[in-house]
Amino acid sequence: MRFCNLKECEKQKRQKFSEIKAGLDDAESLIRKMDLEARSLQPNVKAVLLAKLREYKSDLNNLKSEHKRLASANSNQAARDDLLESGMADAMLVSANQRGRLMMSTERLNESSDRIKESRRTMLETEELGVSILQDLHQQRQSLLHANDTVFLLLKVPYRLHLLTGKFEGKDERKRLMRKGGRKNK
């Protein structure tokens, strides 16, 4: 025995109901033809055949009403099943869509959190580097100020000697120191 899913079963049922309906229509057509033929026969044979045809007509009408009842019940059940199935499918589709959107939102939120953490780490590293650079610049500034003071003092010495002695012997020395000026002695 082979089992089918709901849609296949419904399709097979509809197909069988259509086949039964076509068979009932064919039977009705044949009974009409037999009735016409029986009416054209001799009276003694005609009476027996017409009685038989009435039984066939009665059986056919019973089969038609049974078919109609089953088809109506099946169509109601099929309509109910379609409604339930579409409602469930819609609910499942909505649920799946919501789940998908929620997962995407969660993923984006996690990615944003990771980017924020990375940005914070980069900011702290940059701040540490900035502090280090500022300290180095401060030390270099102090060195330059000290060197400037030293050069200034050295340049003043020959001038002061000149004032004391009356001669300015350190002019050449001053020029030499000026040329060396900012360079450090090695």
Protein backbone atom coordinates (compact mmCIF):
# COMPACT_ATOMS: atom_id res chain seq x y z
CA MET A 1 0.00 0.00 0.00
CA ARG A 2 1.37 3.39 -1.00
CA PHE A 3 0.71 6.45 1.14
CA CYS A 4 0.37 9.90 -0.37
CA ASN A 5 0.69 13.34 1.07
CA LEU A 6 -2.38 15.53 1.57
CA LYS A 7 -2.20 17.37 -1.74
CA GLU A 8 -1.65 14.19 -3.76
CA CYS A 9 -4.56 12.47 -1.99
CA GLU A 10 -6.85 15.43 -2.65
CA LYS A 11 -5.86 15.43 -6.30
CA GLN A 12 -6.49 11.69 -6.58
CA LYS A 13 -9.90 12.08 -4.88
CA ARG A 14 -10.94 14.81 -7.30
CA GLN A 15 -9.80 12.71 -10.20
CA LYS A 16 -11.82 9.68 -8.96
CA PHE A 17 -14.91 11.83 -8.39
CA SER A 18 -14.58 13.14 -11.94
CA GLU A 19 -14.26 9.61 -13.30
CA ILE A 20 -17.34 8.50 -11.32
CA LYS A 21 -19.33 11.50 -12.57
CA ALA A 22 -18.35 10.69 -16.17
CA GLY A 23 -19.36 7.03 -15.61
CA LEU A 24 -22.76 8.09 -14.19
CA ASP A 25 -23.36 10.37 -17.17
CA ASP A 26 -22.47 7.54 -19.55
CA ALA A 27 -24.81 5.18 -17.67
CA GLU A 28 -27.65 7.71 -17.90
CA SER A 29 -27.07 8.07 -21.64
CA LEU A 30 -27.10 4.28 -22.10
CA ILE A 31 -30.32 3.92 -20.06
CA ARG A 32 -32.00 6.54 -22.30
CA LYS A 33 -30.90 4.67 -25.41
CA MET A 34 -32.14 1.37 -23.96
CA ASP A 35 -35.45 3.05 -23.09
CA LEU A 36 -35.88 4.23 -26.68
CA GLU A 37 -35.07 0.78 -28.01
CA ALA A 38 -37.34 -0.98 -25.52
CA ARG A 39 -40.27 1.27 -26.48
CA SER A 40 -39.88 0.22 -30.10
CA LEU A 41 -40.18 -3.52 -29.30
CA GLN A 42 -43.26 -5.77 -29.07
CA PRO A 43 -45.54 -5.16 -26.07
CA ASN A 44 -44.81 -8.41 -24.19
CA VAL A 45 -40.99 -7.92 -24.33
CA LYS A 46 -41.41 -4.18 -23.95
CA ALA A 47 -43.12 -4.45 -20.53
CA VAL A 48 -40.36 -6.66 -19.08
CA LEU A 49 -37.58 -4.42 -20.42
CA LEU A 50 -39.26 -1.18 -19.23
CA ALA A 51 -39.63 -2.67 -15.72
CA LYS A 52 -35.95 -3.55 -15.76
CA LEU A 53 -35.10 -0.03 -17.01
CA ARG A 54 -37.08 1.53 -14.14
CA GLU A 55 -34.93 -0.48 -11.70
CA TYR A 56 -31.78 0.71 -13.51
CA LYS A 57 -33.00 4.33 -13.40
CA SER A 58 -33.74 4.01 -9.70
CA ASP A 59 -30.30 2.51 -9.02
CA LEU A 60 -28.69 5.22 -11.16
CA ASN A 61 -30.55 7.98 -9.27
CA ASN A 62 -29.46 6.44 -5.94
CA LEU A 63 -25.84 6.36 -7.18
CA LYS A 64 -26.09 9.98 -8.39
CA SER A 65 -27.43 11.19 -5.04
CA GLU A 66 -24.73 9.23 -3.18
CA HIS A 67 -22.07 10.70 -5.46
CA LYS A 68 -23.48 14.18 -4.95
CA ARG A 69 -23.49 13.73 -1.15
CA LEU A 70 -19.90 12.44 -1.10
CA ALA A 71 -18.70 15.12 -3.49
CA SER A 72 -20.33 17.81 -1.37
CA ALA A 73 -18.82 16.43 1.84
CA ASN A 74 -15.45 16.08 0.12
CA SER A 75 -15.57 19.61 -1.25
CA ASN A 76 -16.45 20.94 2.23
CA GLN A 77 -13.61 18.93 3.77
CA ALA A 78 -11.26 20.00 0.99
CA ALA A 79 -12.22 23.64 1.51
CA ARG A 80 -11.71 23.25 5.26
CA ASP A 81 -8.36 21.55 4.72
CA ASP A 82 -7.29 24.23 2.26
CA LEU A 83 -8.19 26.94 4.74
CA LEU A 84 -6.39 25.22 7.59
CA GLU A 85 -3.40 24.40 5.44
CA SER A 86 -3.12 27.92 4.06
CA GLY A 87 -3.58 29.36 7.56
CA MET A 88 -0.87 27.10 8.94
CA ALA A 89 1.36 27.81 5.97
CA ASP A 90 0.83 31.55 6.46
CA ALA A 91 1.54 31.27 10.18
CA MET A 92 4.62 29.16 9.54
CA LEU A 93 5.77 31.54 6.81
CA VAL A 94 5.27 34.56 9.08
CA SER A 95 7.05 32.76 11.91
CA ALA A 96 9.93 31.79 9.61
CA ASN A 97 10.16 35.37 8.30
CA GLN A 98 10.18 36.78 11.82
CA ARG A 99 12.78 34.24 12.91
CA GLY A 100 14.94 35.11 9.90
CA ARG A 101 14.67 38.85 10.54
CA LEU A 102 15.44 38.32 14.23
CA MET A 103 18.52 36.26 13.41
CA MET A 104 19.71 38.89 10.90
CA SER A 105 19.15 41.66 13.46
CA THR A 106 21.02 39.71 16.12
CA GLU A 107 23.89 39.07 13.71
CA ARG A 108 24.07 42.76 12.77
CA LEU A 109 23.97 43.73 16.45
CA ASN A 110 26.83 41.33 17.22
CA GLU A 111 28.84 42.69 14.28
CA SER A 112 28.22 46.26 15.49
CA SER A 113 29.31 45.30 19.01
CA ASP A 114 32.49 43.76 17.61
CA ARG A 115 33.19 46.91 15.56
CA ILE A 116 32.64 49.09 18.67
CA LYS A 117 35.03 46.93 20.71
CA GLU A 118 37.64 47.10 17.94
CA SER A 119 37.20 50.89 17.67
CA ARG A 120 37.57 51.27 21.45
CA ARG A 121 40.76 49.16 21.40
CA THR A 122 42.16 51.25 18.52
CA MET A 123 41.23 54.47 20.37
CA LEU A 124 43.08 53.34 23.53
CA GLU A 125 46.16 52.35 21.51
CA THR A 126 46.09 55.72 19.72
CA GLU A 127 45.74 57.55 23.04
CA GLU A 128 48.74 55.68 24.48
CA LEU A 129 50.76 56.48 21.36
CA GLY A 130 49.73 60.16 21.58
CA VAL A 131 50.80 60.37 25.24
CA SER A 132 54.14 58.78 24.37
CA ILE A 133 54.71 61.21 21.48
CA LEU A 134 53.82 64.19 23.71
CA GLN A 135 56.31 63.02 26.35
CA ASP A 136 59.04 62.63 23.70
CA LEU A 137 58.26 66.11 22.32
CA HIS A 138 58.40 67.58 25.81
CA GLN A 139 61.84 66.01 26.41
CA GLN A 140 63.07 67.26 23.03
CA ARG A 141 61.75 70.76 23.81
CA GLN A 142 63.58 70.74 27.14
CA SER A 143 66.77 69.63 25.39
CA LEU A 144 66.42 72.37 22.77
CA LEU A 145 65.77 75.04 25.42
CA HIS A 146 68.81 73.90 27.40
CA ALA A 147 70.96 73.92 24.24
CA ASN A 148 69.68 77.37 23.33
CA ASP A 149 70.56 78.69 26.77
CA THR A 150 74.01 77.15 26.54
CA VAL A 151 74.69 78.68 23.11
CA PHE A 152 73.44 82.05 24.27
CA LEU A 153 75.73 81.97 27.29
CA LEU A 154 78.69 80.93 25.15
CA LEU A 155 78.04 83.74 22.73
CA LYS A 156 77.84 86.27 25.56
CA VAL A 157 81.20 85.28 27.06
CA PRO A 158 83.42 86.88 24.35
CA TYR A 159 81.29 89.99 24.38
CA ARG A 160 81.64 90.33 28.11
CA LEU A 161 85.39 89.80 27.79
CA HIS A 162 85.48 92.58 25.29
CA LEU A 163 83.75 94.88 27.70
CA LEU A 164 86.22 93.97 30.43
CA THR A 165 89.40 94.11 28.40
CA GLY A 166 88.45 96.64 25.83
CA LYS A 167 89.29 94.35 22.98
CA PHE A 168 87.04 91.95 21.21
CA GLU A 169 89.15 88.89 20.66
CA GLY A 170 86.32 86.44 20.60
CA LYS A 171 84.79 87.67 17.33
CA ASP A 172 86.19 84.75 15.34
CA GLU A 173 85.33 82.35 18.13
CA ARG A 174 81.81 83.67 18.17
CA LYS A 175 81.45 83.14 14.41
CA ARG A 176 82.77 79.62 14.76
CA LEU A 177 80.29 78.90 17.57
CA MET A 178 77.48 80.45 15.54
CA ARG A 179 78.24 78.10 12.64
CA LYS A 180 78.27 75.11 14.96
CA GLY A 181 75.29 76.64 16.79
CA GLY A 182 72.61 74.03 16.95
CA ARG A 183 74.88 71.01 16.46
CA LYS A 184 75.79 69.00 19.50
CA ASN A 185 79.36 68.25 20.32
CA LYS A 186 80.13 64.62 19.75
